[in-house]
Amino acid sequence: MKIKQTVTAKFNTVYTGWNSLQFTDDSGDEIEIQMTDDNYLSLAKTVSSKAESIRKERAEEAAELASQENANSLAD
């Protein structure tokens, strides 16, 4: 039988050692995940992809806001 456990925490800090990734939440609770080199490489790819997606979305929002501001200043 397989048991699934989900832990929800609000991110505060993270530390990476030689073979583990350690998260600490706002309450000081810690979560440690044992990692291999391949796990780190996979995580780096995933985090990089997510960060790029966020940057793209923010750039689009900033461009839209700038466009609206330009339209408003031309209307004045």
N, C-alpha and C. Protein backbone atom coordinates (compact mmCIF):
# COMPACT_ATOMS: atom_id res chain seq x y z
N MET A 1 0.84 -1.17 0.00
CA MET A 1 0.00 0.00 0.00
C MET A 1 0.90 1.24 0.00
N LYS A 2 0.52 2.22 -0.82
CA LYS A 2 1.26 3.46 -0.94
C LYS A 2 0.53 4.54 -0.13
N ILE A 3 1.29 5.28 0.67
CA ILE A 3 0.70 6.36 1.46
C ILE A 3 1.19 7.68 0.90
N LYS A 4 0.26 8.57 0.64
CA LYS A 4 0.61 9.89 0.12
C LYS A 4 0.44 10.91 1.23
N GLN A 5 1.42 11.77 1.37
CA GLN A 5 1.35 12.81 2.38
C GLN A 5 1.63 14.14 1.70
N THR A 6 0.75 15.10 1.90
CA THR A 6 0.92 16.44 1.34
C THR A 6 1.21 17.40 2.47
N VAL A 7 2.25 18.20 2.31
CA VAL A 7 2.62 19.20 3.31
C VAL A 7 2.46 20.56 2.66
N THR A 8 1.73 21.44 3.32
CA THR A 8 1.56 22.80 2.82
C THR A 8 2.25 23.75 3.78
N ALA A 9 3.09 24.61 3.23
CA ALA A 9 3.82 25.56 4.06
C ALA A 9 3.97 26.86 3.28
N LYS A 10 4.06 27.96 3.99
CA LYS A 10 4.31 29.25 3.36
C LYS A 10 5.82 29.46 3.31
N PHE A 11 6.34 29.63 2.11
CA PHE A 11 7.78 29.75 1.90
C PHE A 11 8.36 30.94 2.67
N ASN A 12 9.48 30.69 3.32
CA ASN A 12 10.22 31.76 3.99
C ASN A 12 11.67 31.76 3.51
N THR A 13 12.37 30.66 3.72
CA THR A 13 13.76 30.55 3.26
C THR A 13 14.02 29.16 2.69
N VAL A 14 15.12 29.07 1.94
CA VAL A 14 15.54 27.79 1.41
C VAL A 14 17.06 27.72 1.50
N TYR A 15 17.56 26.54 1.74
CA TYR A 15 19.00 26.29 1.80
C TYR A 15 19.27 24.99 1.07
N THR A 16 20.33 24.95 0.32
CA THR A 16 20.69 23.70 -0.33
C THR A 16 22.08 23.28 0.13
N GLY A 17 22.18 22.04 0.51
CA GLY A 17 23.45 21.45 0.92
C GLY A 17 23.95 20.53 -0.18
N TRP A 18 24.85 19.63 0.17
CA TRP A 18 25.40 18.70 -0.82
C TRP A 18 24.36 17.75 -1.36
N ASN A 19 23.45 17.32 -0.49
CA ASN A 19 22.50 16.30 -0.95
C ASN A 19 21.08 16.52 -0.45
N SER A 20 20.76 17.74 -0.06
CA SER A 20 19.38 18.00 0.38
C SER A 20 18.99 19.45 0.16
N LEU A 21 17.72 19.63 -0.01
CA LEU A 21 17.10 20.95 -0.16
C LEU A 21 16.27 21.15 1.10
N GLN A 22 16.50 22.25 1.81
CA GLN A 22 15.82 22.47 3.08
C GLN A 22 15.02 23.77 3.03
N PHE A 23 13.73 23.66 3.27
CA PHE A 23 12.84 24.80 3.30
C PHE A 23 12.45 25.10 4.74
N THR A 24 12.29 26.36 5.06
CA THR A 24 11.78 26.78 6.36
C THR A 24 10.58 27.68 6.12
N ASP A 25 9.49 27.43 6.86
CA ASP A 25 8.31 28.28 6.70
C ASP A 25 8.32 29.41 7.73
N ASP A 26 7.27 30.23 7.69
CA ASP A 26 7.17 31.39 8.58
C ASP A 26 7.18 31.01 10.05
N SER A 27 6.72 29.81 10.37
CA SER A 27 6.65 29.35 11.76
C SER A 27 7.96 28.72 12.23
N GLY A 28 8.93 28.58 11.32
CA GLY A 28 10.19 27.94 11.68
C GLY A 28 10.20 26.45 11.44
N ASP A 29 9.09 25.90 10.94
CA ASP A 29 9.05 24.47 10.61
C ASP A 29 9.94 24.22 9.41
N GLU A 30 10.59 23.07 9.38
CA GLU A 30 11.53 22.75 8.31
C GLU A 30 11.08 21.52 7.53
N ILE A 31 11.36 21.57 6.25
CA ILE A 31 11.11 20.44 5.35
C ILE A 31 12.43 20.14 4.66
N GLU A 32 12.89 18.92 4.72
CA GLU A 32 14.15 18.54 4.08
C GLU A 32 13.86 17.48 3.02
N ILE A 33 14.38 17.71 1.82
CA ILE A 33 14.20 16.79 0.71
C ILE A 33 15.57 16.31 0.26
N GLN A 34 15.80 15.01 0.32
CA GLN A 34 17.05 14.43 -0.14
C GLN A 34 17.10 14.54 -1.66
N MET A 35 18.23 15.01 -2.21
CA MET A 35 18.34 15.27 -3.64
C MET A 35 19.60 14.64 -4.21
N THR A 36 19.50 14.13 -5.43
CA THR A 36 20.67 13.69 -6.18
C THR A 36 21.07 14.82 -7.13
N ASP A 37 22.22 14.70 -7.76
CA ASP A 37 22.63 15.69 -8.75
C ASP A 37 21.59 15.81 -9.86
N ASP A 38 21.06 14.67 -10.32
CA ASP A 38 20.05 14.70 -11.37
C ASP A 38 18.77 15.38 -10.90
N ASN A 39 18.42 15.20 -9.62
CA ASN A 39 17.25 15.89 -9.07
C ASN A 39 17.45 17.40 -9.11
N TYR A 40 18.66 17.86 -8.75
CA TYR A 40 18.97 19.29 -8.79
C TYR A 40 18.86 19.84 -10.21
N LEU A 41 19.37 19.09 -11.19
CA LEU A 41 19.29 19.54 -12.58
C LEU A 41 17.85 19.62 -13.06
N SER A 42 17.04 18.66 -12.68
CA SER A 42 15.63 18.68 -13.04
C SER A 42 14.91 19.84 -12.38
N LEU A 43 15.20 20.07 -11.11
CA LEU A 43 14.59 21.18 -10.38
C LEU A 43 14.99 22.51 -11.00
N ALA A 44 16.26 22.66 -11.38
CA ALA A 44 16.74 23.90 -12.00
C ALA A 44 15.98 24.18 -13.29
N LYS A 45 15.75 23.15 -14.08
CA LYS A 45 15.01 23.31 -15.34
C LYS A 45 13.57 23.76 -15.06
N THR A 46 12.93 23.15 -14.09
CA THR A 46 11.55 23.48 -13.75
C THR A 46 11.43 24.90 -13.21
N VAL A 47 12.32 25.27 -12.29
CA VAL A 47 12.27 26.60 -11.69
C VAL A 47 12.59 27.67 -12.74
N SER A 48 13.56 27.39 -13.60
CA SER A 48 13.91 28.33 -14.66
C SER A 48 12.74 28.57 -15.60
N SER A 49 12.05 27.52 -15.96
CA SER A 49 10.88 27.63 -16.83
C SER A 49 9.78 28.46 -16.18
N LYS A 50 9.52 28.21 -14.90
CA LYS A 50 8.50 28.95 -14.17
C LYS A 50 8.88 30.43 -14.06
N ALA A 51 10.14 30.72 -13.74
CA ALA A 51 10.60 32.10 -13.62
C ALA A 51 10.47 32.83 -14.96
N GLU A 52 10.82 32.17 -16.05
CA GLU A 52 10.71 32.80 -17.37
C GLU A 52 9.25 33.10 -17.70
N SER A 53 8.35 32.20 -17.34
CA SER A 53 6.92 32.41 -17.57
C SER A 53 6.42 33.63 -16.78
N ILE A 54 6.86 33.75 -15.54
CA ILE A 54 6.47 34.90 -14.71
C ILE A 54 7.02 36.19 -15.31
N ARG A 55 8.28 36.19 -15.74
CA ARG A 55 8.88 37.39 -16.34
C ARG A 55 8.12 37.82 -17.60
N LYS A 56 7.77 36.84 -18.43
CA LYS A 56 7.04 37.14 -19.66
C LYS A 56 5.68 37.76 -19.34
N GLU A 57 4.97 37.17 -18.39
CA GLU A 57 3.66 37.68 -17.99
C GLU A 57 3.77 39.10 -17.45
N ARG A 58 4.77 39.36 -16.62
CA ARG A 58 4.95 40.69 -16.05
C ARG A 58 5.32 41.71 -17.13
N ALA A 59 6.14 41.30 -18.09
CA ALA A 59 6.51 42.20 -19.18
C ALA A 59 5.28 42.57 -20.01
N GLU A 60 4.42 41.59 -20.26
CA GLU A 60 3.20 41.85 -21.01
C GLU A 60 2.28 42.80 -20.24
N GLU A 61 2.17 42.60 -18.92
CA GLU A 61 1.35 43.49 -18.10
C GLU A 61 1.92 44.90 -18.08
N ALA A 62 3.24 45.03 -17.99
CA ALA A 62 3.88 46.35 -17.98
C ALA A 62 3.69 47.05 -19.32
N ALA A 63 3.80 46.31 -20.41
CA ALA A 63 3.60 46.90 -21.74
C ALA A 63 2.15 47.37 -21.91
N GLU A 64 1.22 46.58 -21.41
CA GLU A 64 -0.19 46.95 -21.49
C GLU A 64 -0.46 48.20 -20.66
N LEU A 65 0.09 48.28 -19.47
CA LEU A 65 -0.07 49.44 -18.61
C LEU A 65 0.54 50.69 -19.26
N ALA A 66 1.73 50.55 -19.84
CA ALA A 66 2.38 51.66 -20.51
C ALA A 66 1.55 52.13 -21.70
N SER A 67 0.98 51.20 -22.43
CA SER A 67 0.13 51.53 -23.58
C SER A 67 -1.12 52.31 -23.13
N GLN A 68 -1.71 51.87 -22.02
CA GLN A 68 -2.88 52.56 -21.48
C GLN A 68 -2.51 53.97 -21.01
N GLU A 69 -1.36 54.11 -20.36
CA GLU A 69 -0.92 55.42 -19.90
C GLU A 69 -0.66 56.35 -21.08
N ASN A 70 -0.05 55.84 -22.15
CA ASN A 70 0.19 56.65 -23.34
C ASN A 70 -1.12 57.09 -23.97
N ALA A 71 -2.09 56.17 -24.04
CA ALA A 71 -3.40 56.51 -24.60
C ALA A 71 -4.09 57.58 -23.75
N ASN A 72 -3.95 57.47 -22.43
CA ASN A 72 -4.57 58.46 -21.54
C ASN A 72 -3.91 59.83 -21.69
N SER A 73 -2.58 59.86 -21.83
CA SER A 73 -1.89 61.15 -21.96
C SER A 73 -2.18 61.80 -23.30
N LEU A 74 -2.43 61.01 -24.34
CA LEU A 74 -2.80 61.58 -25.64
C LEU A 74 -4.22 62.12 -25.63
N ALA A 75 -5.07 61.52 -24.81
CA ALA A 75 -6.47 61.96 -24.72
C ALA A 75 -6.59 63.28 -23.96
N ASP A 76 -5.60 63.57 -23.12
CA ASP A 76 -5.64 64.81 -22.33
C ASP A 76 -5.28 65.95 -23.19
